[in-house]
């Protein structure tokens, strides 16, 4: 396994704690930490009710991240709305749309973009 956003979902290992096989690779923990990020935002801004999420193009890893963020937001009684950002030109549009949504805070997932 060279690299996987979710080695368990991809079927490489049974669990991260007990893989059940001898395998070497790199796994991204971004989605696994998403819930904690929302909890930390809530701790910093306890009156927060809405979160805007600026996200890069849809990939399986980014969809899993969004699902984790949405689950954490629901558990905390928050409303999370995602705004797609495929390239640099989309950033201004997404920021304007998210401002109309009136979030208390915004989260984003960085991604490599080319000019």
C-alpha atoms as a PDB file:
ATOM      1  CA  UNK A   1       0.000   0.000   0.000  1.00  0.00           C
ATOM      2  CA  UNK A   2       1.670   3.224  -1.080  1.00  0.00           C
ATOM      3  CA  UNK A   3      -0.861   5.595   0.451  1.00  0.00           C
ATOM      4  CA  UNK A   4      -4.536   5.398   1.302  1.00  0.00           C
ATOM      5  CA  UNK A   5      -7.020   7.837   2.770  1.00  0.00           C
ATOM      6  CA  UNK A   6      -8.821   4.950   4.453  1.00  0.00           C
ATOM      7  CA  UNK A   7      -6.974   1.597   4.369  1.00  0.00           C
ATOM      8  CA  UNK A   8      -9.848  -0.110   6.215  1.00  0.00           C
ATOM      9  CA  UNK A   9     -12.503   1.007   3.695  1.00  0.00           C
ATOM     10  CA  UNK A  10     -10.148   0.145   0.831  1.00  0.00           C
ATOM     11  CA  UNK A  11      -9.875  -3.390   2.222  1.00  0.00           C
ATOM     12  CA  UNK A  12      -6.117  -3.309   2.818  1.00  0.00           C
ATOM     13  CA  UNK A  13      -6.427  -4.013   6.572  1.00  0.00           C
ATOM     14  CA  UNK A  14      -9.083  -5.162   9.048  1.00  0.00           C
ATOM     15  CA  UNK A  15      -8.538  -2.229  11.435  1.00  0.00           C
ATOM     16  CA  UNK A  16      -5.788   0.321  11.972  1.00  0.00           C
ATOM     17  CA  UNK A  17      -5.189  -0.963  15.503  1.00  0.00           C
ATOM     18  CA  UNK A  18      -4.995  -4.611  14.415  1.00  0.00           C
ATOM     19  CA  UNK A  19      -4.373  -4.747  10.680  1.00  0.00           C
ATOM     20  CA  UNK A  20      -4.313  -8.560  10.572  1.00  0.00           C
ATOM     21  CA  UNK A  21      -1.590  -8.530   7.922  1.00  0.00           C
ATOM     22  CA  UNK A  22       1.975  -7.452   7.442  1.00  0.00           C
ATOM     23  CA  UNK A  23       1.605  -4.261   5.419  1.00  0.00           C
ATOM     24  CA  UNK A  24       3.568  -1.049   5.080  1.00  0.00           C
ATOM     25  CA  UNK A  25       2.245   2.270   3.881  1.00  0.00           C
ATOM     26  CA  UNK A  26       0.924   5.681   4.755  1.00  0.00           C
ATOM     27  CA  UNK A  27      -2.628   6.445   5.828  1.00  0.00           C
ATOM     28  CA  UNK A  28      -4.168   9.887   6.071  1.00  0.00           C
ATOM     29  CA  UNK A  29      -5.761  10.716   9.411  1.00  0.00           C
ATOM     30  CA  UNK A  30      -7.481  13.856   8.143  1.00  0.00           C
ATOM     31  CA  UNK A  31     -10.973  12.314   8.149  1.00  0.00           C
ATOM     32  CA  UNK A  32     -10.358  10.592  11.477  1.00  0.00           C
ATOM     33  CA  UNK A  33      -9.589  13.950  13.110  1.00  0.00           C
ATOM     34  CA  UNK A  34     -12.468  15.854  11.492  1.00  0.00           C
ATOM     35  CA  UNK A  35     -14.801  15.327  14.426  1.00  0.00           C
ATOM     36  CA  UNK A  36     -12.191  16.651  16.839  1.00  0.00           C
ATOM     37  CA  UNK A  37     -11.711  19.740  14.677  1.00  0.00           C
ATOM     38  CA  UNK A  38     -15.423  20.553  14.872  1.00  0.00           C
ATOM     39  CA  UNK A  39     -15.372  19.942  18.645  1.00  0.00           C
ATOM     40  CA  UNK A  40     -12.415  22.324  19.014  1.00  0.00           C
ATOM     41  CA  UNK A  41     -14.199  24.973  16.950  1.00  0.00           C
ATOM     42  CA  UNK A  42     -17.219  24.573  19.223  1.00  0.00           C
ATOM     43  CA  UNK A  43     -15.013  24.925  22.326  1.00  0.00           C
ATOM     44  CA  UNK A  44     -13.507  28.146  20.969  1.00  0.00           C
ATOM     45  CA  UNK A  45     -16.857  29.552  19.792  1.00  0.00           C
ATOM     46  CA  UNK A  46     -19.563  28.001  22.019  1.00  0.00           C
ATOM     47  CA  UNK A  47     -22.344  30.132  20.463  1.00  0.00           C
ATOM     48  CA  UNK A  48     -21.490  28.787  17.001  1.00  0.00           C
ATOM     49  CA  UNK A  49     -24.472  27.245  15.193  1.00  0.00           C
ATOM     50  CA  UNK A  50     -23.333  27.204  11.547  1.00  0.00           C
ATOM     51  CA  UNK A  51     -20.091  26.096   9.920  1.00  0.00           C
ATOM     52  CA  UNK A  52     -19.135  26.721   6.288  1.00  0.00           C
ATOM     53  CA  UNK A  53     -16.799  24.124   4.796  1.00  0.00           C
ATOM     54  CA  UNK A  54     -14.820  25.105   1.690  1.00  0.00           C
ATOM     55  CA  UNK A  55     -13.839  21.852   0.080  1.00  0.00           C
ATOM     56  CA  UNK A  56     -11.682  20.812  -2.854  1.00  0.00           C
ATOM     57  CA  UNK A  57     -12.916  18.634  -5.732  1.00  0.00           C
ATOM     58  CA  UNK A  58     -14.851  15.537  -4.816  1.00  0.00           C
ATOM     59  CA  UNK A  59     -12.667  12.524  -4.225  1.00  0.00           C
ATOM     60  CA  UNK A  60     -13.366   9.503  -2.043  1.00  0.00           C
ATOM     61  CA  UNK A  61     -11.055  10.937   0.640  1.00  0.00           C
ATOM     62  CA  UNK A  62     -12.769  14.331   0.586  1.00  0.00           C
ATOM     63  CA  UNK A  63     -16.231  12.750   0.615  1.00  0.00           C
ATOM     64  CA  UNK A  64     -15.245  10.739   3.703  1.00  0.00           C
ATOM     65  CA  UNK A  65     -13.938  13.931   5.324  1.00  0.00           C
ATOM     66  CA  UNK A  66     -17.223  15.697   4.607  1.00  0.00           C
ATOM     67  CA  UNK A  67     -19.216  12.776   6.039  1.00  0.00           C
ATOM     68  CA  UNK A  68     -17.121  12.873   9.235  1.00  0.00           C
ATOM     69  CA  UNK A  69     -17.545  16.645   9.547  1.00  0.00           C
ATOM     70  CA  UNK A  70     -21.306  16.389   8.991  1.00  0.00           C
ATOM     71  CA  UNK A  71     -21.608  13.616  11.578  1.00  0.00           C
ATOM     72  CA  UNK A  72     -19.685  15.614  14.168  1.00  0.00           C
ATOM     73  CA  UNK A  73     -21.715  18.735  13.401  1.00  0.00           C
ATOM     74  CA  UNK A  74     -24.983  16.813  13.847  1.00  0.00           C
ATOM     75  CA  UNK A  75     -23.814  15.341  17.173  1.00  0.00           C
ATOM     76  CA  UNK A  76     -23.031  18.856  18.416  1.00  0.00           C
ATOM     77  CA  UNK A  77     -26.278  20.360  17.121  1.00  0.00           C
ATOM     78  CA  UNK A  78     -24.528  22.369  14.421  1.00  0.00           C
ATOM     79  CA  UNK A  79     -25.439  23.012  10.807  1.00  0.00           C
ATOM     80  CA  UNK A  80     -22.624  22.413   8.314  1.00  0.00           C
ATOM     81  CA  UNK A  81     -22.812  23.451   4.672  1.00  0.00           C
ATOM     82  CA  UNK A  82     -20.176  22.565   2.077  1.00  0.00           C
ATOM     83  CA  UNK A  83     -19.086  24.913  -0.712  1.00  0.00           C
ATOM     84  CA  UNK A  84     -17.123  23.441  -3.618  1.00  0.00           C
ATOM     85  CA  UNK A  85     -13.802  25.006  -4.563  1.00  0.00           C
ATOM     86  CA  UNK A  86     -12.237  23.323  -7.594  1.00  0.00           C
ATOM     87  CA  UNK A  87      -9.698  26.024  -8.431  1.00  0.00           C
ATOM     88  CA  UNK A  88      -8.469  29.436  -7.336  1.00  0.00           C
ATOM     89  CA  UNK A  89     -11.185  31.224  -9.287  1.00  0.00           C
ATOM     90  CA  UNK A  90     -13.832  29.395  -7.226  1.00  0.00           C
ATOM     91  CA  UNK A  91     -12.508  30.741  -3.924  1.00  0.00           C
ATOM     92  CA  UNK A  92     -14.093  34.212  -4.213  1.00  0.00           C
ATOM     93  CA  UNK A  93     -17.403  32.718  -5.311  1.00  0.00           C
ATOM     94  CA  UNK A  94     -17.384  30.183  -2.456  1.00  0.00           C
ATOM     95  CA  UNK A  95     -16.495  32.845   0.118  1.00  0.00           C
ATOM     96  CA  UNK A  96     -19.337  35.077  -1.117  1.00  0.00           C
ATOM     97  CA  UNK A  97     -21.827  32.192  -1.020  1.00  0.00           C
ATOM     98  CA  UNK A  98     -20.665  31.094   2.412  1.00  0.00           C
ATOM     99  CA  UNK A  99     -20.942  34.675   3.731  1.00  0.00           C
ATOM    100  CA  UNK A 100     -24.602  34.727   2.665  1.00  0.00           C
ATOM    101  CA  UNK A 101     -25.013  31.518   4.713  1.00  0.00           C
ATOM    102  CA  UNK A 102     -23.796  33.559   7.729  1.00  0.00           C
ATOM    103  CA  UNK A 103     -21.593  31.040   9.486  1.00  0.00           C
ATOM    104  CA  UNK A 104     -19.834  31.885  12.716  1.00  0.00           C
ATOM    105  CA  UNK A 105     -16.785  30.020  11.475  1.00  0.00           C
ATOM    106  CA  UNK A 106     -15.426  28.460   8.331  1.00  0.00           C
ATOM    107  CA  UNK A 107     -13.355  25.331   7.844  1.00  0.00           C
ATOM    108  CA  UNK A 108     -11.464  24.333   4.769  1.00  0.00           C
ATOM    109  CA  UNK A 109      -9.516  21.447   3.344  1.00  0.00           C
ATOM    110  CA  UNK A 110      -6.422  22.494   1.473  1.00  0.00           C
ATOM    111  CA  UNK A 111      -5.516  20.907  -1.797  1.00  0.00           C
ATOM    112  CA  UNK A 112      -2.899  21.499  -4.416  1.00  0.00           C
ATOM    113  CA  UNK A 113      -4.112  23.879  -7.058  1.00  0.00           C
ATOM    114  CA  UNK A 114      -2.334  24.988 -10.164  1.00  0.00           C
ATOM    115  CA  UNK A 115      -2.531  28.567 -11.486  1.00  0.00           C
END
